[in-house]
Protein backbone atom coordinates (compact mmCIF):
# COMPACT_ATOMS: atom_id res chain seq x y z
CA UNK A 1 0.00 0.00 0.00
CA UNK A 2 1.42 3.35 -1.03
CA UNK A 3 -1.35 5.66 0.14
CA UNK A 4 -3.66 5.66 3.17
CA UNK A 5 -6.68 5.83 0.84
CA UNK A 6 -6.01 2.43 -0.73
CA UNK A 7 -3.63 2.62 -3.69
CA UNK A 8 -1.52 -0.52 -3.96
CA UNK A 9 1.29 -1.53 -6.32
CA UNK A 10 1.85 -5.00 -7.74
CA UNK A 11 3.19 -6.58 -10.91
CA UNK A 12 1.21 -6.55 -14.13
CA UNK A 13 1.92 -10.27 -14.66
CA UNK A 14 0.32 -11.03 -11.27
CA UNK A 15 -3.06 -9.54 -12.23
CA UNK A 16 -2.99 -9.96 -16.02
CA UNK A 17 -6.13 -11.71 -17.23
CA UNK A 18 -7.85 -11.72 -13.83
CA UNK A 19 -11.62 -11.34 -13.74
CA UNK A 20 -11.73 -10.34 -10.09
CA UNK A 21 -9.07 -9.03 -7.69
CA UNK A 22 -8.82 -9.11 -3.92
CA UNK A 23 -6.21 -7.58 -1.67
CA UNK A 24 -5.61 -9.22 1.71
CA UNK A 25 -3.83 -7.12 4.33
CA UNK A 26 -1.60 -8.45 7.12
CA UNK A 27 -4.51 -8.21 9.57
CA UNK A 28 -6.39 -10.64 7.24
CA UNK A 29 -8.91 -8.02 6.16
CA UNK A 30 -9.91 -8.59 2.52
CA UNK A 31 -10.88 -5.89 0.03
CA UNK A 32 -12.10 -6.04 -3.52
CA UNK A 33 -9.66 -4.21 -5.77
CA UNK A 34 -10.00 -2.47 -9.09
CA UNK A 35 -7.25 -1.90 -11.60
CA UNK A 36 -6.36 1.77 -11.94
CA UNK A 37 -3.87 1.02 -14.68
CA UNK A 38 -1.07 -1.23 -15.85
CA UNK A 39 2.21 -0.86 -17.68
CA UNK A 40 3.21 -4.22 -19.18
CA UNK A 41 6.57 -2.84 -20.37
CA UNK A 42 7.72 -2.24 -16.78
CA UNK A 43 5.46 -4.97 -15.30
CA UNK A 44 3.90 -2.45 -12.89
CA UNK A 45 0.21 -2.36 -11.99
CA UNK A 46 -1.66 0.09 -9.78
CA UNK A 47 -4.70 -1.14 -7.85
CA UNK A 48 -7.21 0.67 -5.65
CA UNK A 49 -9.17 -0.64 -2.69
CA UNK A 50 -11.93 1.28 -0.96
CA UNK A 51 -10.60 1.97 2.52
CA UNK A 52 -9.16 4.83 4.53
CA UNK A 53 -6.42 5.35 7.11
CA UNK A 54 -4.47 2.34 5.89
CA UNK A 55 -0.85 1.71 6.90
CA UNK A 56 1.56 2.81 4.18
CA UNK A 57 5.08 1.67 3.37
CA UNK A 58 7.59 4.51 3.46
CA UNK A 59 9.21 5.17 0.08
CA UNK A 60 13.00 5.16 -0.18
CA UNK A 61 15.27 6.26 -3.00
CA UNK A 62 16.59 3.43 -5.17
CA UNK A 63 19.14 5.79 -6.74
CA UNK A 64 20.92 5.94 -3.37
CA UNK A 65 21.04 2.14 -3.08
CA UNK A 66 24.57 0.71 -3.21
CA UNK A 67 25.90 -2.64 -4.36
CA UNK A 68 26.57 -4.72 -1.24
CA UNK A 69 23.77 -3.08 0.76
CA UNK A 70 21.43 -5.43 2.65
CA UNK A 71 17.84 -5.66 1.43
CA UNK A 72 14.70 -7.59 2.37
CA UNK A 73 12.30 -9.19 -0.11
CA UNK A 74 8.71 -9.44 1.07
CA UNK A 75 6.04 -11.57 -0.54
CA UNK A 76 3.88 -14.68 -0.43
CA UNK A 77 6.00 -17.40 -2.03
CA UNK A 78 4.26 -20.74 -2.48
CA UNK A 79 1.30 -19.35 -0.49
CA UNK A 80 3.31 -18.60 2.66
CA UNK A 81 1.88 -15.24 3.71
CA UNK A 82 4.14 -12.32 4.56
CA UNK A 83 7.45 -14.09 4.05
CA UNK A 84 10.62 -12.02 4.39
CA UNK A 85 14.00 -13.05 3.00
CA UNK A 86 17.26 -11.16 3.09
CA UNK A 87 20.15 -10.65 0.75
CA UNK A 88 22.44 -8.04 -0.69
CA UNK A 89 22.22 -5.87 -3.75
CA UNK A 90 24.31 -7.79 -6.27
CA UNK A 91 24.05 -5.23 -9.07
CA UNK A 92 22.18 -2.12 -10.15
CA UNK A 93 21.01 -1.11 -13.62
CA UNK A 94 20.91 -4.75 -14.70
CA UNK A 95 19.32 -5.67 -18.04
CA UNK A 96 17.65 -9.09 -18.21
CA UNK A 97 16.48 -9.10 -21.83
CA UNK A 98 14.01 -11.94 -22.40
CA UNK A 99 14.29 -13.40 -18.88
CA UNK A 100 10.82 -12.20 -17.90
CA UNK A 101 7.86 -14.31 -18.95
CA UNK A 102 9.09 -15.02 -22.47
CA UNK A 103 8.93 -11.41 -23.62
CA UNK A 104 11.31 -8.49 -23.74
CA UNK A 105 11.07 -6.49 -20.53
CA UNK A 106 10.95 -2.70 -20.80
CA UNK A 107 13.11 -2.02 -17.77
CA UNK A 108 16.83 -1.96 -18.46
CA UNK A 109 17.77 -0.95 -14.95
CA UNK A 110 16.72 -3.70 -12.52
CA UNK A 111 18.02 -4.07 -9.00
CA UNK A 112 19.63 -7.50 -8.80
CA UNK A 113 19.72 -9.21 -5.41
CA UNK A 114 20.51 -12.59 -3.96
CA UNK A 115 17.51 -12.48 -1.60
CA UNK A 116 15.47 -15.64 -2.09
CA UNK A 117 12.52 -14.77 -4.33
CA UNK A 118 10.17 -17.49 -5.57
CA UNK A 119 6.81 -17.71 -7.35
CA UNK A 120 4.45 -15.67 -5.18
CA UNK A 121 6.98 -12.95 -4.36
CA UNK A 122 6.11 -11.02 -7.52
CA UNK A 123 4.57 -7.67 -6.72
CA UNK A 124 6.04 -7.72 -3.23
CA UNK A 125 8.27 -5.06 -1.78
CA UNK A 126 12.03 -4.96 -1.88
CA UNK A 127 12.99 -2.81 1.11
CA UNK A 128 16.18 -1.42 2.55
CA UNK A 129 17.19 -1.93 6.19
CA UNK A 130 15.18 1.16 7.15
CA UNK A 131 12.00 -0.54 5.90
CA UNK A 132 11.66 1.80 2.92
CA UNK A 133 10.37 0.58 -0.43
CA UNK A 134 13.22 0.58 -2.94
CA UNK A 135 11.78 -1.80 -5.54
CA UNK A 136 9.04 -4.20 -6.59
CA UNK A 137 10.08 -7.86 -6.92
CA UNK A 138 9.31 -9.00 -10.44
CA UNK A 139 11.64 -11.61 -11.99
CA UNK A 140 13.71 -14.59 -11.00
CA UNK A 141 16.41 -15.87 -13.33
CA UNK A 142 16.09 -19.62 -13.07
CA UNK A 143 16.22 -22.84 -15.01
CA UNK A 144 14.08 -24.66 -12.42
CA UNK A 145 11.16 -22.26 -11.88
CA UNK A 146 12.29 -21.53 -8.33
CA UNK A 147 15.01 -19.40 -6.76
CA UNK A 148 18.55 -20.34 -7.73
CA UNK A 149 20.45 -17.24 -6.71
CA UNK A 150 19.28 -14.21 -8.66
CA UNK A 151 16.18 -12.09 -8.41
CA UNK A 152 15.31 -8.74 -9.89
CA UNK A 153 13.20 -5.79 -8.78
CA UNK A 154 11.90 -2.76 -10.64
CA UNK A 155 13.57 0.21 -8.92
CA UNK A 156 11.42 2.58 -6.91
CA UNK A 157 12.38 5.50 -9.17
CA UNK A 158 10.78 3.76 -12.15
CA UNK A 159 7.80 2.51 -10.13
CA UNK A 160 7.14 6.04 -8.81
CA UNK A 161 7.08 7.51 -12.33
CA UNK A 162 4.81 4.76 -13.70
CA UNK A 163 2.41 5.08 -10.76
CA UNK A 164 2.20 8.86 -11.20
CA UNK A 165 1.42 8.34 -14.89
CA UNK A 166 -1.22 5.67 -14.16
CA UNK A 167 -2.92 7.83 -11.52
C-alpha atoms as a PDB file:
ATOM      1  CA  UNK A   1       0.000   0.000   0.000  1.00  0.00           C
ATOM      2  CA  UNK A   2       1.421   3.350  -1.026  1.00  0.00           C
ATOM      3  CA  UNK A   3      -1.349   5.662   0.142  1.00  0.00           C
ATOM      4  CA  UNK A   4      -3.661   5.662   3.168  1.00  0.00           C
ATOM      5  CA  UNK A   5      -6.682   5.826   0.841  1.00  0.00           C
ATOM      6  CA  UNK A   6      -6.008   2.429  -0.728  1.00  0.00           C
ATOM      7  CA  UNK A   7      -3.627   2.621  -3.685  1.00  0.00           C
ATOM      8  CA  UNK A   8      -1.516  -0.522  -3.963  1.00  0.00           C
ATOM      9  CA  UNK A   9       1.286  -1.531  -6.324  1.00  0.00           C
ATOM     10  CA  UNK A  10       1.853  -5.003  -7.742  1.00  0.00           C
ATOM     11  CA  UNK A  11       3.186  -6.578 -10.914  1.00  0.00           C
ATOM     12  CA  UNK A  12       1.211  -6.554 -14.126  1.00  0.00           C
ATOM     13  CA  UNK A  13       1.918 -10.269 -14.662  1.00  0.00           C
ATOM     14  CA  UNK A  14       0.315 -11.031 -11.267  1.00  0.00           C
ATOM     15  CA  UNK A  15      -3.063  -9.541 -12.232  1.00  0.00           C
ATOM     16  CA  UNK A  16      -2.991  -9.960 -16.015  1.00  0.00           C
ATOM     17  CA  UNK A  17      -6.134 -11.709 -17.231  1.00  0.00           C
ATOM     18  CA  UNK A  18      -7.853 -11.715 -13.829  1.00  0.00           C
ATOM     19  CA  UNK A  19     -11.623 -11.340 -13.743  1.00  0.00           C
ATOM     20  CA  UNK A  20     -11.725 -10.340 -10.094  1.00  0.00           C
ATOM     21  CA  UNK A  21      -9.074  -9.027  -7.695  1.00  0.00           C
ATOM     22  CA  UNK A  22      -8.818  -9.110  -3.922  1.00  0.00           C
ATOM     23  CA  UNK A  23      -6.206  -7.583  -1.666  1.00  0.00           C
ATOM     24  CA  UNK A  24      -5.606  -9.217   1.710  1.00  0.00           C
ATOM     25  CA  UNK A  25      -3.826  -7.125   4.327  1.00  0.00           C
ATOM     26  CA  UNK A  26      -1.595  -8.445   7.122  1.00  0.00           C
ATOM     27  CA  UNK A  27      -4.513  -8.211   9.568  1.00  0.00           C
ATOM     28  CA  UNK A  28      -6.388 -10.644   7.242  1.00  0.00           C
ATOM     29  CA  UNK A  29      -8.914  -8.024   6.161  1.00  0.00           C
ATOM     30  CA  UNK A  30      -9.911  -8.590   2.525  1.00  0.00           C
ATOM     31  CA  UNK A  31     -10.877  -5.891   0.032  1.00  0.00           C
ATOM     32  CA  UNK A  32     -12.102  -6.038  -3.524  1.00  0.00           C
ATOM     33  CA  UNK A  33      -9.664  -4.208  -5.768  1.00  0.00           C
ATOM     34  CA  UNK A  34      -9.995  -2.471  -9.093  1.00  0.00           C
ATOM     35  CA  UNK A  35      -7.246  -1.902 -11.599  1.00  0.00           C
ATOM     36  CA  UNK A  36      -6.358   1.765 -11.937  1.00  0.00           C
ATOM     37  CA  UNK A  37      -3.873   1.023 -14.684  1.00  0.00           C
ATOM     38  CA  UNK A  38      -1.071  -1.228 -15.852  1.00  0.00           C
ATOM     39  CA  UNK A  39       2.208  -0.858 -17.675  1.00  0.00           C
ATOM     40  CA  UNK A  40       3.207  -4.217 -19.180  1.00  0.00           C
ATOM     41  CA  UNK A  41       6.569  -2.840 -20.365  1.00  0.00           C
ATOM     42  CA  UNK A  42       7.716  -2.240 -16.781  1.00  0.00           C
ATOM     43  CA  UNK A  43       5.465  -4.974 -15.297  1.00  0.00           C
ATOM     44  CA  UNK A  44       3.900  -2.446 -12.892  1.00  0.00           C
ATOM     45  CA  UNK A  45       0.207  -2.359 -11.987  1.00  0.00           C
ATOM     46  CA  UNK A  46      -1.663   0.090  -9.778  1.00  0.00           C
ATOM     47  CA  UNK A  47      -4.700  -1.136  -7.846  1.00  0.00           C
ATOM     48  CA  UNK A  48      -7.213   0.673  -5.647  1.00  0.00           C
ATOM     49  CA  UNK A  49      -9.170  -0.644  -2.690  1.00  0.00           C
ATOM     50  CA  UNK A  50     -11.931   1.279  -0.956  1.00  0.00           C
ATOM     51  CA  UNK A  51     -10.605   1.974   2.521  1.00  0.00           C
ATOM     52  CA  UNK A  52      -9.159   4.830   4.532  1.00  0.00           C
ATOM     53  CA  UNK A  53      -6.416   5.352   7.113  1.00  0.00           C
ATOM     54  CA  UNK A  54      -4.466   2.344   5.889  1.00  0.00           C
ATOM     55  CA  UNK A  55      -0.853   1.707   6.903  1.00  0.00           C
ATOM     56  CA  UNK A  56       1.557   2.812   4.184  1.00  0.00           C
ATOM     57  CA  UNK A  57       5.076   1.671   3.365  1.00  0.00           C
ATOM     58  CA  UNK A  58       7.590   4.508   3.464  1.00  0.00           C
ATOM     59  CA  UNK A  59       9.210   5.169   0.083  1.00  0.00           C
ATOM     60  CA  UNK A  60      12.996   5.162  -0.183  1.00  0.00           C
ATOM     61  CA  UNK A  61      15.275   6.260  -2.996  1.00  0.00           C
ATOM     62  CA  UNK A  62      16.588   3.433  -5.173  1.00  0.00           C
ATOM     63  CA  UNK A  63      19.137   5.788  -6.737  1.00  0.00           C
ATOM     64  CA  UNK A  64      20.925   5.937  -3.366  1.00  0.00           C
ATOM     65  CA  UNK A  65      21.043   2.138  -3.082  1.00  0.00           C
ATOM     66  CA  UNK A  66      24.567   0.707  -3.207  1.00  0.00           C
ATOM     67  CA  UNK A  67      25.901  -2.643  -4.362  1.00  0.00           C
ATOM     68  CA  UNK A  68      26.568  -4.724  -1.240  1.00  0.00           C
ATOM     69  CA  UNK A  69      23.774  -3.080   0.757  1.00  0.00           C
ATOM     70  CA  UNK A  70      21.434  -5.429   2.655  1.00  0.00           C
ATOM     71  CA  UNK A  71      17.845  -5.663   1.426  1.00  0.00           C
ATOM     72  CA  UNK A  72      14.704  -7.591   2.368  1.00  0.00           C
ATOM     73  CA  UNK A  73      12.305  -9.187  -0.114  1.00  0.00           C
ATOM     74  CA  UNK A  74       8.706  -9.436   1.074  1.00  0.00           C
ATOM     75  CA  UNK A  75       6.037 -11.574  -0.535  1.00  0.00           C
ATOM     76  CA  UNK A  76       3.877 -14.679  -0.425  1.00  0.00           C
ATOM     77  CA  UNK A  77       6.002 -17.404  -2.032  1.00  0.00           C
ATOM     78  CA  UNK A  78       4.257 -20.736  -2.479  1.00  0.00           C
ATOM     79  CA  UNK A  79       1.297 -19.354  -0.492  1.00  0.00           C
ATOM     80  CA  UNK A  80       3.311 -18.601   2.662  1.00  0.00           C
ATOM     81  CA  UNK A  81       1.875 -15.238   3.710  1.00  0.00           C
ATOM     82  CA  UNK A  82       4.144 -12.324   4.559  1.00  0.00           C
ATOM     83  CA  UNK A  83       7.452 -14.091   4.054  1.00  0.00           C
ATOM     84  CA  UNK A  84      10.618 -12.022   4.389  1.00  0.00           C
ATOM     85  CA  UNK A  85      14.000 -13.054   3.003  1.00  0.00           C
ATOM     86  CA  UNK A  86      17.256 -11.164   3.092  1.00  0.00           C
ATOM     87  CA  UNK A  87      20.152 -10.649   0.749  1.00  0.00           C
ATOM     88  CA  UNK A  88      22.438  -8.044  -0.688  1.00  0.00           C
ATOM     89  CA  UNK A  89      22.216  -5.871  -3.746  1.00  0.00           C
ATOM     90  CA  UNK A  90      24.306  -7.791  -6.275  1.00  0.00           C
ATOM     91  CA  UNK A  91      24.050  -5.228  -9.073  1.00  0.00           C
ATOM     92  CA  UNK A  92      22.178  -2.123 -10.152  1.00  0.00           C
ATOM     93  CA  UNK A  93      21.015  -1.109 -13.619  1.00  0.00           C
ATOM     94  CA  UNK A  94      20.915  -4.746 -14.702  1.00  0.00           C
ATOM     95  CA  UNK A  95      19.315  -5.672 -18.039  1.00  0.00           C
ATOM     96  CA  UNK A  96      17.654  -9.094 -18.207  1.00  0.00           C
ATOM     97  CA  UNK A  97      16.484  -9.103 -21.830  1.00  0.00           C
ATOM     98  CA  UNK A  98      14.006 -11.937 -22.396  1.00  0.00           C
ATOM     99  CA  UNK A  99      14.285 -13.398 -18.885  1.00  0.00           C
ATOM    100  CA  UNK A 100      10.818 -12.204 -17.901  1.00  0.00           C
ATOM    101  CA  UNK A 101       7.855 -14.313 -18.948  1.00  0.00           C
ATOM    102  CA  UNK A 102       9.087 -15.018 -22.467  1.00  0.00           C
ATOM    103  CA  UNK A 103       8.928 -11.409 -23.617  1.00  0.00           C
ATOM    104  CA  UNK A 104      11.313  -8.491 -23.742  1.00  0.00           C
ATOM    105  CA  UNK A 105      11.073  -6.493 -20.530  1.00  0.00           C
ATOM    106  CA  UNK A 106      10.949  -2.704 -20.804  1.00  0.00           C
ATOM    107  CA  UNK A 107      13.112  -2.020 -17.771  1.00  0.00           C
ATOM    108  CA  UNK A 108      16.827  -1.960 -18.462  1.00  0.00           C
ATOM    109  CA  UNK A 109      17.768  -0.949 -14.947  1.00  0.00           C
ATOM    110  CA  UNK A 110      16.723  -3.701 -12.523  1.00  0.00           C
ATOM    111  CA  UNK A 111      18.017  -4.066  -8.996  1.00  0.00           C
ATOM    112  CA  UNK A 112      19.629  -7.504  -8.799  1.00  0.00           C
ATOM    113  CA  UNK A 113      19.719  -9.205  -5.407  1.00  0.00           C
ATOM    114  CA  UNK A 114      20.512 -12.593  -3.964  1.00  0.00           C
ATOM    115  CA  UNK A 115      17.512 -12.477  -1.597  1.00  0.00           C
ATOM    116  CA  UNK A 116      15.472 -15.643  -2.090  1.00  0.00           C
ATOM    117  CA  UNK A 117      12.515 -14.766  -4.325  1.00  0.00           C
ATOM    118  CA  UNK A 118      10.166 -17.489  -5.567  1.00  0.00           C
ATOM    119  CA  UNK A 119       6.813 -17.708  -7.350  1.00  0.00           C
ATOM    120  CA  UNK A 120       4.452 -15.666  -5.181  1.00  0.00           C
ATOM    121  CA  UNK A 121       6.982 -12.949  -4.360  1.00  0.00           C
ATOM    122  CA  UNK A 122       6.113 -11.024  -7.523  1.00  0.00           C
ATOM    123  CA  UNK A 123       4.573  -7.672  -6.723  1.00  0.00           C
ATOM    124  CA  UNK A 124       6.038  -7.722  -3.229  1.00  0.00           C
ATOM    125  CA  UNK A 125       8.268  -5.065  -1.782  1.00  0.00           C
ATOM    126  CA  UNK A 126      12.030  -4.958  -1.878  1.00  0.00           C
ATOM    127  CA  UNK A 127      12.986  -2.812   1.106  1.00  0.00           C
ATOM    128  CA  UNK A 128      16.180  -1.418   2.554  1.00  0.00           C
ATOM    129  CA  UNK A 129      17.195  -1.934   6.186  1.00  0.00           C
ATOM    130  CA  UNK A 130      15.179   1.160   7.154  1.00  0.00           C
ATOM    131  CA  UNK A 131      11.998  -0.543   5.902  1.00  0.00           C
ATOM    132  CA  UNK A 132      11.664   1.803   2.922  1.00  0.00           C
ATOM    133  CA  UNK A 133      10.375   0.581  -0.432  1.00  0.00           C
ATOM    134  CA  UNK A 134      13.223   0.576  -2.942  1.00  0.00           C
ATOM    135  CA  UNK A 135      11.783  -1.801  -5.544  1.00  0.00           C
ATOM    136  CA  UNK A 136       9.038  -4.196  -6.595  1.00  0.00           C
ATOM    137  CA  UNK A 137      10.077  -7.858  -6.919  1.00  0.00           C
ATOM    138  CA  UNK A 138       9.315  -9.004 -10.443  1.00  0.00           C
ATOM    139  CA  UNK A 139      11.635 -11.610 -11.994  1.00  0.00           C
ATOM    140  CA  UNK A 140      13.710 -14.592 -10.999  1.00  0.00           C
ATOM    141  CA  UNK A 141      16.407 -15.866 -13.333  1.00  0.00           C
ATOM    142  CA  UNK A 142      16.086 -19.623 -13.069  1.00  0.00           C
ATOM    143  CA  UNK A 143      16.220 -22.844 -15.011  1.00  0.00           C
ATOM    144  CA  UNK A 144      14.076 -24.663 -12.416  1.00  0.00           C
ATOM    145  CA  UNK A 145      11.156 -22.257 -11.882  1.00  0.00           C
ATOM    146  CA  UNK A 146      12.291 -21.531  -8.329  1.00  0.00           C
ATOM    147  CA  UNK A 147      15.009 -19.402  -6.757  1.00  0.00           C
ATOM    148  CA  UNK A 148      18.551 -20.340  -7.726  1.00  0.00           C
ATOM    149  CA  UNK A 149      20.451 -17.242  -6.710  1.00  0.00           C
ATOM    150  CA  UNK A 150      19.283 -14.211  -8.656  1.00  0.00           C
ATOM    151  CA  UNK A 151      16.175 -12.087  -8.407  1.00  0.00           C
ATOM    152  CA  UNK A 152      15.309  -8.741  -9.892  1.00  0.00           C
ATOM    153  CA  UNK A 153      13.203  -5.790  -8.782  1.00  0.00           C
ATOM    154  CA  UNK A 154      11.903  -2.761 -10.636  1.00  0.00           C
ATOM    155  CA  UNK A 155      13.571   0.214  -8.921  1.00  0.00           C
ATOM    156  CA  UNK A 156      11.418   2.576  -6.907  1.00  0.00           C
ATOM    157  CA  UNK A 157      12.376   5.502  -9.168  1.00  0.00           C
ATOM    158  CA  UNK A 158      10.776   3.761 -12.152  1.00  0.00           C
ATOM    159  CA  UNK A 159       7.799   2.515 -10.130  1.00  0.00           C
ATOM    160  CA  UNK A 160       7.135   6.044  -8.809  1.00  0.00           C
ATOM    161  CA  UNK A 161       7.084   7.514 -12.333  1.00  0.00           C
ATOM    162  CA  UNK A 162       4.814   4.761 -13.700  1.00  0.00           C
ATOM    163  CA  UNK A 163       2.410   5.083 -10.759  1.00  0.00           C
ATOM    164  CA  UNK A 164       2.197   8.857 -11.195  1.00  0.00           C
ATOM    165  CA  UNK A 165       1.417   8.340 -14.890  1.00  0.00           C
ATOM    166  CA  UNK A 166      -1.215   5.672 -14.156  1.00  0.00           C
ATOM    167  CA  UNK A 167      -2.924   7.826 -11.521  1.00  0.00           C
END
